[in-house]
Amino acid sequence: MPNREEVTLDKENENHTKAEYVRMEGEPTAAFKGASWAALLIGVAAYLLGLFNATTMELNEKGYYFAVLVFGLYSAVSLQKAVRDKDEGIPVTPIYYGISWLAIIISISLISIGLYNAGSISLSEKGFFAMAFVLSLFAAITVQKNVRDTQRARERD
């Protein structure tokens, strides 16, 4: 059964509403969806802005860190989908499931090794890139989960 959220225009006359939003059971709230998208956009934008402003990094280093971010985002979403499919009884081949885990492990290893060996950037910059990377991965997983939960809730209707 849908949950109804109403906003009243006038406290004296409760019969008139400004807007009505119907949220299906199992669908994430608009606030949670918005926070997830905001975290993803802030994480990715901060990471990319950090790369753009990293004046001590060579262009090939910037390309490496950009590729690691893209790979990490894709592998995180892919792993979330594979884990959830498996949990819900949707067939997932063992090779795809294994590759999804391997890809996320490789992407985290690549960022870790790259930052550990980066002599051209300060420790605070390394921490900044690490945190923006982790925020972006987590937010990508959450956004994908929200999209799937919303789709599933709408299909039940």
N, C-alpha and C. Protein backbone atom coordinates (compact mmCIF):
# COMPACT_ATOMS: atom_id res chain seq x y z
N MET A 1 0.84 -1.18 0.00
CA MET A 1 0.00 0.00 0.00
C MET A 1 0.88 1.24 0.00
N PRO A 2 0.58 2.21 -0.88
CA PRO A 2 1.42 3.41 -0.96
C PRO A 2 1.32 4.25 0.30
N ASN A 3 2.42 4.91 0.63
CA ASN A 3 2.44 5.89 1.71
C ASN A 3 2.16 7.24 1.08
N ARG A 4 1.29 8.03 1.67
CA ARG A 4 0.96 9.34 1.13
C ARG A 4 1.56 10.42 2.03
N GLU A 5 2.26 11.34 1.39
CA GLU A 5 2.82 12.47 2.10
C GLU A 5 2.17 13.72 1.56
N GLU A 6 1.54 14.52 2.42
CA GLU A 6 0.83 15.70 1.98
C GLU A 6 1.41 16.94 2.66
N VAL A 7 1.40 18.04 1.93
CA VAL A 7 1.84 19.33 2.47
C VAL A 7 0.64 20.25 2.40
N THR A 8 0.21 20.79 3.52
CA THR A 8 -0.97 21.66 3.53
C THR A 8 -0.57 23.10 3.26
N LEU A 9 -1.46 23.80 2.54
CA LEU A 9 -1.26 25.21 2.26
C LEU A 9 -1.68 26.08 3.44
N ASP A 10 -2.74 25.70 4.06
CA ASP A 10 -3.37 26.54 5.06
C ASP A 10 -3.72 25.68 6.27
N LYS A 11 -3.26 26.06 7.42
CA LYS A 11 -3.54 25.27 8.63
C LYS A 11 -5.01 25.32 9.01
N GLU A 12 -5.71 26.40 8.65
CA GLU A 12 -7.12 26.52 8.99
C GLU A 12 -7.99 25.61 8.14
N ASN A 13 -7.59 25.40 6.91
CA ASN A 13 -8.40 24.60 6.00
C ASN A 13 -7.57 23.38 5.57
N GLU A 14 -7.68 22.30 6.29
CA GLU A 14 -6.87 21.10 6.08
C GLU A 14 -7.24 20.34 4.80
N ASN A 15 -8.33 20.70 4.13
CA ASN A 15 -8.79 19.96 2.95
C ASN A 15 -8.01 20.33 1.69
N HIS A 16 -7.35 21.46 1.67
CA HIS A 16 -6.60 21.88 0.48
C HIS A 16 -5.13 21.54 0.67
N THR A 17 -4.56 20.88 -0.31
CA THR A 17 -3.15 20.52 -0.23
C THR A 17 -2.39 21.17 -1.37
N LYS A 18 -1.16 21.52 -1.10
CA LYS A 18 -0.28 22.11 -2.11
C LYS A 18 0.17 21.04 -3.10
N ALA A 19 0.59 19.91 -2.59
CA ALA A 19 1.09 18.84 -3.45
C ALA A 19 0.90 17.51 -2.74
N GLU A 20 0.76 16.48 -3.52
CA GLU A 20 0.68 15.15 -2.95
C GLU A 20 1.68 14.26 -3.67
N TYR A 21 2.47 13.56 -2.92
CA TYR A 21 3.46 12.66 -3.47
C TYR A 21 3.16 11.26 -2.96
N VAL A 22 3.05 10.32 -3.86
CA VAL A 22 2.78 8.95 -3.48
C VAL A 22 4.08 8.17 -3.56
N ARG A 23 4.50 7.64 -2.43
CA ARG A 23 5.71 6.83 -2.37
C ARG A 23 5.28 5.39 -2.18
N MET A 24 5.72 4.54 -3.07
CA MET A 24 5.35 3.13 -3.02
C MET A 24 6.11 2.44 -1.89
N GLU A 25 5.51 1.39 -1.35
CA GLU A 25 6.17 0.63 -0.29
C GLU A 25 7.45 0.01 -0.83
N GLY A 26 8.54 0.17 -0.09
CA GLY A 26 9.84 -0.35 -0.51
C GLY A 26 10.66 0.65 -1.29
N GLU A 27 10.03 1.76 -1.68
CA GLU A 27 10.76 2.79 -2.43
C GLU A 27 11.49 3.71 -1.44
N PRO A 28 12.74 4.03 -1.73
CA PRO A 28 13.46 4.96 -0.84
C PRO A 28 12.80 6.33 -0.84
N THR A 29 12.98 7.07 0.24
CA THR A 29 12.42 8.41 0.31
C THR A 29 13.15 9.35 -0.64
N ALA A 30 12.48 10.42 -0.98
CA ALA A 30 13.09 11.42 -1.87
C ALA A 30 14.34 12.01 -1.23
N ALA A 31 14.32 12.18 0.09
CA ALA A 31 15.48 12.73 0.79
C ALA A 31 16.68 11.79 0.67
N PHE A 32 16.45 10.49 0.81
CA PHE A 32 17.55 9.53 0.70
C PHE A 32 18.08 9.47 -0.72
N LYS A 33 17.18 9.50 -1.69
CA LYS A 33 17.62 9.51 -3.09
C LYS A 33 18.44 10.77 -3.39
N GLY A 34 17.94 11.91 -2.91
CA GLY A 34 18.65 13.17 -3.14
C GLY A 34 20.01 13.20 -2.48
N ALA A 35 20.07 12.69 -1.25
CA ALA A 35 21.35 12.65 -0.52
C ALA A 35 22.35 11.74 -1.24
N SER A 36 21.86 10.63 -1.77
CA SER A 36 22.74 9.70 -2.48
C SER A 36 23.30 10.33 -3.75
N TRP A 37 22.43 10.98 -4.52
CA TRP A 37 22.89 11.65 -5.74
C TRP A 37 23.84 12.79 -5.40
N ALA A 38 23.52 13.54 -4.34
CA ALA A 38 24.39 14.64 -3.94
C ALA A 38 25.77 14.12 -3.54
N ALA A 39 25.81 13.02 -2.78
CA ALA A 39 27.10 12.45 -2.37
C ALA A 39 27.90 12.00 -3.59
N LEU A 40 27.23 11.38 -4.56
CA LEU A 40 27.93 10.94 -5.77
C LEU A 40 28.48 12.14 -6.54
N LEU A 41 27.65 13.14 -6.74
CA LEU A 41 28.11 14.31 -7.50
C LEU A 41 29.21 15.06 -6.77
N ILE A 42 29.08 15.21 -5.45
CA ILE A 42 30.11 15.90 -4.68
C ILE A 42 31.42 15.11 -4.68
N GLY A 43 31.34 13.80 -4.49
CA GLY A 43 32.54 12.96 -4.48
C GLY A 43 33.28 12.99 -5.80
N VAL A 44 32.54 12.80 -6.90
CA VAL A 44 33.16 12.78 -8.22
C VAL A 44 33.69 14.18 -8.58
N ALA A 45 32.88 15.21 -8.31
CA ALA A 45 33.31 16.58 -8.62
C ALA A 45 34.55 16.96 -7.83
N ALA A 46 34.58 16.62 -6.54
CA ALA A 46 35.74 16.95 -5.71
C ALA A 46 36.99 16.22 -6.23
N TYR A 47 36.84 14.95 -6.56
CA TYR A 47 37.96 14.16 -7.07
C TYR A 47 38.49 14.79 -8.36
N LEU A 48 37.57 15.10 -9.29
CA LEU A 48 37.98 15.68 -10.57
C LEU A 48 38.56 17.08 -10.40
N LEU A 49 37.98 17.87 -9.51
CA LEU A 49 38.53 19.19 -9.22
C LEU A 49 39.93 19.08 -8.62
N GLY A 50 40.11 18.10 -7.75
CA GLY A 50 41.44 17.85 -7.19
C GLY A 50 42.44 17.49 -8.26
N LEU A 51 42.02 16.66 -9.22
CA LEU A 51 42.92 16.31 -10.33
C LEU A 51 43.25 17.55 -11.17
N PHE A 52 42.23 18.33 -11.45
CA PHE A 52 42.43 19.53 -12.27
C PHE A 52 43.40 20.50 -11.60
N ASN A 53 43.30 20.64 -10.29
CA ASN A 53 44.13 21.59 -9.55
C ASN A 53 45.47 21.02 -9.09
N ALA A 54 45.73 19.76 -9.34
CA ALA A 54 46.99 19.14 -8.92
C ALA A 54 48.09 19.57 -9.89
N THR A 55 48.72 20.67 -9.58
CA THR A 55 49.71 21.25 -10.49
C THR A 55 51.01 20.46 -10.52
N THR A 56 51.28 19.69 -9.47
CA THR A 56 52.54 18.93 -9.43
C THR A 56 52.42 17.58 -10.15
N MET A 57 51.22 17.21 -10.56
CA MET A 57 51.02 15.92 -11.23
C MET A 57 51.22 16.07 -12.73
N GLU A 58 51.85 15.09 -13.30
CA GLU A 58 51.98 15.02 -14.76
C GLU A 58 50.62 14.63 -15.34
N LEU A 59 50.43 14.92 -16.62
CA LEU A 59 49.17 14.61 -17.28
C LEU A 59 48.89 13.10 -17.29
N ASN A 60 49.93 12.29 -17.44
CA ASN A 60 49.71 10.84 -17.43
C ASN A 60 49.28 10.35 -16.06
N GLU A 61 49.75 10.99 -14.97
CA GLU A 61 49.30 10.65 -13.63
C GLU A 61 47.82 10.99 -13.46
N LYS A 62 47.44 12.15 -13.95
CA LYS A 62 46.04 12.56 -13.86
C LYS A 62 45.16 11.58 -14.62
N GLY A 63 45.63 11.14 -15.78
CA GLY A 63 44.88 10.15 -16.57
C GLY A 63 44.74 8.83 -15.82
N TYR A 64 45.81 8.43 -15.14
CA TYR A 64 45.78 7.20 -14.34
C TYR A 64 44.71 7.30 -13.25
N TYR A 65 44.72 8.39 -12.50
CA TYR A 65 43.76 8.54 -11.40
C TYR A 65 42.33 8.67 -11.93
N PHE A 66 42.15 9.31 -13.09
CA PHE A 66 40.82 9.40 -13.69
C PHE A 66 40.33 8.00 -14.10
N ALA A 67 41.20 7.23 -14.75
CA ALA A 67 40.82 5.88 -15.17
C ALA A 67 40.49 4.99 -13.98
N VAL A 68 41.24 5.14 -12.90
CA VAL A 68 40.98 4.35 -11.69
C VAL A 68 39.61 4.72 -11.11
N LEU A 69 39.26 6.01 -11.13
CA LEU A 69 37.94 6.42 -10.64
C LEU A 69 36.82 5.81 -11.47
N VAL A 70 36.93 5.91 -12.78
CA VAL A 70 35.90 5.36 -13.67
C VAL A 70 35.79 3.85 -13.47
N PHE A 71 36.92 3.16 -13.41
CA PHE A 71 36.94 1.72 -13.19
C PHE A 71 36.32 1.38 -11.83
N GLY A 72 36.65 2.14 -10.81
CA GLY A 72 36.11 1.90 -9.48
C GLY A 72 34.61 2.09 -9.43
N LEU A 73 34.11 3.15 -10.05
CA LEU A 73 32.66 3.39 -10.06
C LEU A 73 31.93 2.26 -10.77
N TYR A 74 32.44 1.87 -11.92
CA TYR A 74 31.79 0.78 -12.67
C TYR A 74 31.84 -0.53 -11.88
N SER A 75 32.98 -0.84 -11.31
CA SER A 75 33.10 -2.11 -10.59
C SER A 75 32.24 -2.13 -9.33
N ALA A 76 32.09 -0.99 -8.67
CA ALA A 76 31.25 -0.92 -7.47
C ALA A 76 29.78 -1.17 -7.81
N VAL A 77 29.31 -0.54 -8.87
CA VAL A 77 27.91 -0.73 -9.29
C VAL A 77 27.70 -2.17 -9.76
N SER A 78 28.65 -2.69 -10.50
CA SER A 78 28.55 -4.06 -10.99
C SER A 78 28.52 -5.07 -9.84
N LEU A 79 29.37 -4.86 -8.85
CA LEU A 79 29.38 -5.76 -7.69
C LEU A 79 28.08 -5.67 -6.92
N GLN A 80 27.56 -4.45 -6.72
CA GLN A 80 26.30 -4.29 -6.00
C GLN A 80 25.18 -5.03 -6.71
N LYS A 81 25.14 -4.92 -8.02
CA LYS A 81 24.11 -5.61 -8.79
C LYS A 81 24.26 -7.12 -8.70
N ALA A 82 25.47 -7.61 -8.82
CA ALA A 82 25.69 -9.05 -8.75
C ALA A 82 25.33 -9.61 -7.38
N VAL A 83 25.72 -8.93 -6.32
CA VAL A 83 25.41 -9.38 -4.96
C VAL A 83 23.91 -9.37 -4.73
N ARG A 84 23.25 -8.30 -5.15
CA ARG A 84 21.81 -8.21 -4.94
C ARG A 84 21.05 -9.23 -5.79
N ASP A 85 21.46 -9.41 -7.03
CA ASP A 85 20.82 -10.43 -7.87
C ASP A 85 20.93 -11.79 -7.21
N LYS A 86 22.11 -12.12 -6.76
CA LYS A 86 22.34 -13.42 -6.12
C LYS A 86 21.47 -13.56 -4.87
N ASP A 87 21.38 -12.51 -4.08
CA ASP A 87 20.58 -12.52 -2.86
C ASP A 87 19.09 -12.70 -3.15
N GLU A 88 18.63 -12.16 -4.27
CA GLU A 88 17.21 -12.23 -4.63
C GLU A 88 16.88 -13.46 -5.48
N GLY A 89 17.85 -14.32 -5.69
CA GLY A 89 17.59 -15.55 -6.44
C GLY A 89 17.63 -15.37 -7.94
N ILE A 90 18.09 -14.23 -8.41
CA ILE A 90 18.25 -14.01 -9.84
C ILE A 90 19.57 -14.65 -10.24
N PRO A 91 19.57 -15.48 -11.30
CA PRO A 91 20.81 -16.18 -11.66
C PRO A 91 21.97 -15.24 -11.97
N VAL A 92 23.10 -15.53 -11.35
CA VAL A 92 24.35 -14.81 -11.59
C VAL A 92 25.41 -15.88 -11.79
N THR A 93 26.12 -15.80 -12.89
CA THR A 93 27.15 -16.81 -13.14
C THR A 93 28.29 -16.61 -12.15
N PRO A 94 28.90 -17.71 -11.73
CA PRO A 94 30.03 -17.58 -10.80
C PRO A 94 31.18 -16.76 -11.37
N ILE A 95 31.40 -16.82 -12.66
CA ILE A 95 32.50 -16.06 -13.26
C ILE A 95 32.23 -14.56 -13.18
N TYR A 96 30.98 -14.14 -13.44
CA TYR A 96 30.64 -12.72 -13.34
C TYR A 96 30.72 -12.24 -11.89
N TYR A 97 30.23 -13.04 -10.99
CA TYR A 97 30.28 -12.71 -9.57
C TYR A 97 31.73 -12.55 -9.11
N GLY A 98 32.57 -13.49 -9.53
CA GLY A 98 34.00 -13.44 -9.17
C GLY A 98 34.72 -12.26 -9.80
N ILE A 99 34.41 -11.98 -11.06
CA ILE A 99 35.04 -10.85 -11.74
C ILE A 99 34.61 -9.54 -11.10
N SER A 100 33.37 -9.45 -10.66
CA SER A 100 32.89 -8.23 -9.99
C SER A 100 33.68 -7.98 -8.71
N TRP A 101 33.88 -9.03 -7.91
CA TRP A 101 34.68 -8.89 -6.69
C TRP A 101 36.13 -8.54 -7.03
N LEU A 102 36.68 -9.22 -8.03
CA LEU A 102 38.07 -8.97 -8.43
C LEU A 102 38.25 -7.52 -8.91
N ALA A 103 37.28 -7.02 -9.68
CA ALA A 103 37.38 -5.66 -10.22
C ALA A 103 37.39 -4.62 -9.11
N ILE A 104 36.54 -4.78 -8.11
CA ILE A 104 36.51 -3.78 -7.02
C ILE A 104 37.81 -3.86 -6.20
N ILE A 105 38.30 -5.07 -5.99
CA ILE A 105 39.56 -5.23 -5.25
C ILE A 105 40.71 -4.60 -6.03
N ILE A 106 40.73 -4.80 -7.34
CA ILE A 106 41.79 -4.21 -8.17
C ILE A 106 41.69 -2.70 -8.16
N SER A 107 40.49 -2.15 -8.28
CA SER A 107 40.37 -0.68 -8.31
C SER A 107 40.81 -0.05 -6.99
N ILE A 108 40.46 -0.67 -5.88
CA ILE A 108 40.90 -0.15 -4.58
C ILE A 108 42.41 -0.31 -4.42
N SER A 109 42.93 -1.42 -4.92
CA SER A 109 44.38 -1.63 -4.87
C SER A 109 45.12 -0.61 -5.73
N LEU A 110 44.59 -0.33 -6.92
CA LEU A 110 45.23 0.63 -7.82
C LEU A 110 45.28 2.03 -7.22
N ILE A 111 44.18 2.47 -6.60
CA ILE A 111 44.20 3.80 -5.99
C ILE A 111 45.15 3.81 -4.80
N SER A 112 45.15 2.74 -4.02
CA SER A 112 46.03 2.67 -2.84
C SER A 112 47.49 2.66 -3.24
N ILE A 113 47.86 1.83 -4.18
CA ILE A 113 49.25 1.74 -4.63
C ILE A 113 49.68 3.05 -5.30
N GLY A 114 48.79 3.61 -6.13
CA GLY A 114 49.10 4.87 -6.79
C GLY A 114 49.35 6.00 -5.81
N LEU A 115 48.48 6.10 -4.80
CA LEU A 115 48.66 7.17 -3.82
C LEU A 115 49.87 6.92 -2.92
N TYR A 116 50.13 5.68 -2.58
CA TYR A 116 51.29 5.35 -1.75
C TYR A 116 52.59 5.74 -2.45
N ASN A 117 52.65 5.49 -3.75
CA ASN A 117 53.86 5.75 -4.52
C ASN A 117 53.93 7.16 -5.11
N ALA A 118 52.90 7.96 -4.92
CA ALA A 118 52.89 9.30 -5.50
C ALA A 118 53.78 10.22 -4.68
N GLY A 119 54.93 10.49 -5.18
CA GLY A 119 55.87 11.35 -4.47
C GLY A 119 55.62 12.82 -4.74
N SER A 120 54.87 13.11 -5.80
CA SER A 120 54.69 14.50 -6.20
C SER A 120 53.57 15.22 -5.44
N ILE A 121 52.77 14.49 -4.67
CA ILE A 121 51.67 15.13 -3.96
C ILE A 121 51.84 14.95 -2.45
N SER A 122 51.29 15.91 -1.72
CA SER A 122 51.45 15.89 -0.26
C SER A 122 50.53 14.85 0.37
N LEU A 123 50.80 14.55 1.63
CA LEU A 123 50.00 13.58 2.37
C LEU A 123 48.54 14.02 2.47
N SER A 124 48.30 15.30 2.65
CA SER A 124 46.91 15.79 2.74
C SER A 124 46.19 15.61 1.40
N GLU A 125 46.88 15.80 0.28
CA GLU A 125 46.28 15.56 -1.03
C GLU A 125 45.97 14.08 -1.23
N LYS A 126 46.87 13.23 -0.76
CA LYS A 126 46.63 11.79 -0.86
C LYS A 126 45.37 11.41 -0.08
N GLY A 127 45.24 11.97 1.11
CA GLY A 127 44.04 11.70 1.91
C GLY A 127 42.79 12.23 1.24
N PHE A 128 42.89 13.39 0.64
CA PHE A 128 41.76 13.97 -0.08
C PHE A 128 41.31 13.05 -1.21
N PHE A 129 42.25 12.58 -2.03
CA PHE A 129 41.90 11.70 -3.14
C PHE A 129 41.32 10.38 -2.65
N ALA A 130 41.90 9.85 -1.59
CA ALA A 130 41.39 8.59 -1.04
C ALA A 130 39.95 8.75 -0.55
N MET A 131 39.68 9.82 0.18
CA MET A 131 38.34 10.03 0.72
C MET A 131 37.32 10.33 -0.39
N ALA A 132 37.70 11.12 -1.37
CA ALA A 132 36.79 11.41 -2.49
C ALA A 132 36.50 10.14 -3.28
N PHE A 133 37.50 9.28 -3.43
CA PHE A 133 37.33 8.01 -4.13
C PHE A 133 36.35 7.11 -3.37
N VAL A 134 36.56 6.96 -2.08
CA VAL A 134 35.69 6.09 -1.27
C VAL A 134 34.27 6.65 -1.24
N LEU A 135 34.11 7.96 -1.08
CA LEU A 135 32.78 8.58 -1.09
C LEU A 135 32.09 8.30 -2.42
N SER A 136 32.80 8.45 -3.51
CA SER A 136 32.22 8.22 -4.83
C SER A 136 31.78 6.78 -5.02
N LEU A 137 32.60 5.83 -4.59
CA LEU A 137 32.23 4.41 -4.72
C LEU A 137 30.99 4.09 -3.90
N PHE A 138 30.98 4.54 -2.65
CA PHE A 138 29.84 4.26 -1.79
C PHE A 138 28.57 4.90 -2.34
N ALA A 139 28.69 6.14 -2.80
CA ALA A 139 27.53 6.83 -3.34
C ALA A 139 27.02 6.17 -4.62
N ALA A 140 27.91 5.68 -5.46
CA ALA A 140 27.50 4.99 -6.69
C ALA A 140 26.71 3.73 -6.35
N ILE A 141 27.15 3.00 -5.33
CA ILE A 141 26.43 1.81 -4.89
C ILE A 141 25.03 2.19 -4.39
N THR A 142 24.96 3.26 -3.61
CA THR A 142 23.70 3.69 -3.03
C THR A 142 22.74 4.19 -4.11
N VAL A 143 23.23 4.95 -5.07
CA VAL A 143 22.39 5.43 -6.17
C VAL A 143 21.84 4.25 -6.95
N GLN A 144 22.69 3.28 -7.25
CA GLN A 144 22.23 2.10 -8.01
C GLN A 144 21.17 1.34 -7.22
N LYS A 145 21.36 1.22 -5.92
CA LYS A 145 20.38 0.54 -5.07
C LYS A 145 19.06 1.29 -5.08
N ASN A 146 19.12 2.61 -4.98
CA ASN A 146 17.89 3.41 -4.99
C ASN A 146 17.14 3.29 -6.30
N VAL A 147 17.87 3.31 -7.41
CA VAL A 147 17.24 3.16 -8.72
C VAL A 147 16.54 1.81 -8.81
N ARG A 148 17.21 0.79 -8.34
CA ARG A 148 16.61 -0.54 -8.40
C ARG A 148 15.41 -0.68 -7.46
N ASP A 149 15.51 -0.14 -6.25
CA ASP A 149 14.39 -0.21 -5.31
C ASP A 149 13.19 0.56 -5.84
N THR A 150 13.43 1.72 -6.44
CA THR A 150 12.34 2.50 -7.01
C THR A 150 11.68 1.76 -8.16
N GLN A 151 12.49 1.17 -9.02
CA GLN A 151 11.95 0.42 -10.15
C GLN A 151 11.13 -0.76 -9.67
N ARG A 152 11.62 -1.47 -8.68
CA ARG A 152 10.91 -2.64 -8.16
C ARG A 152 9.60 -2.22 -7.49
N ALA A 153 9.61 -1.13 -6.74
CA ALA A 153 8.39 -0.65 -6.08
C ALA A 153 7.35 -0.23 -7.11
N ARG A 154 7.78 0.41 -8.18
CA ARG A 154 6.84 0.84 -9.22
C ARG A 154 6.28 -0.35 -10.01
N GLU A 155 7.08 -1.40 -10.18
CA GLU A 155 6.63 -2.59 -10.89
C GLU A 155 5.56 -3.34 -10.11
N ARG A 156 5.65 -3.29 -8.76
CA ARG A 156 4.67 -3.97 -7.92
C ARG A 156 3.29 -3.31 -7.97
N ASP A 157 3.30 -2.03 -8.33
CA ASP A 157 2.03 -1.29 -8.32
C ASP A 157 1.08 -1.77 -9.39
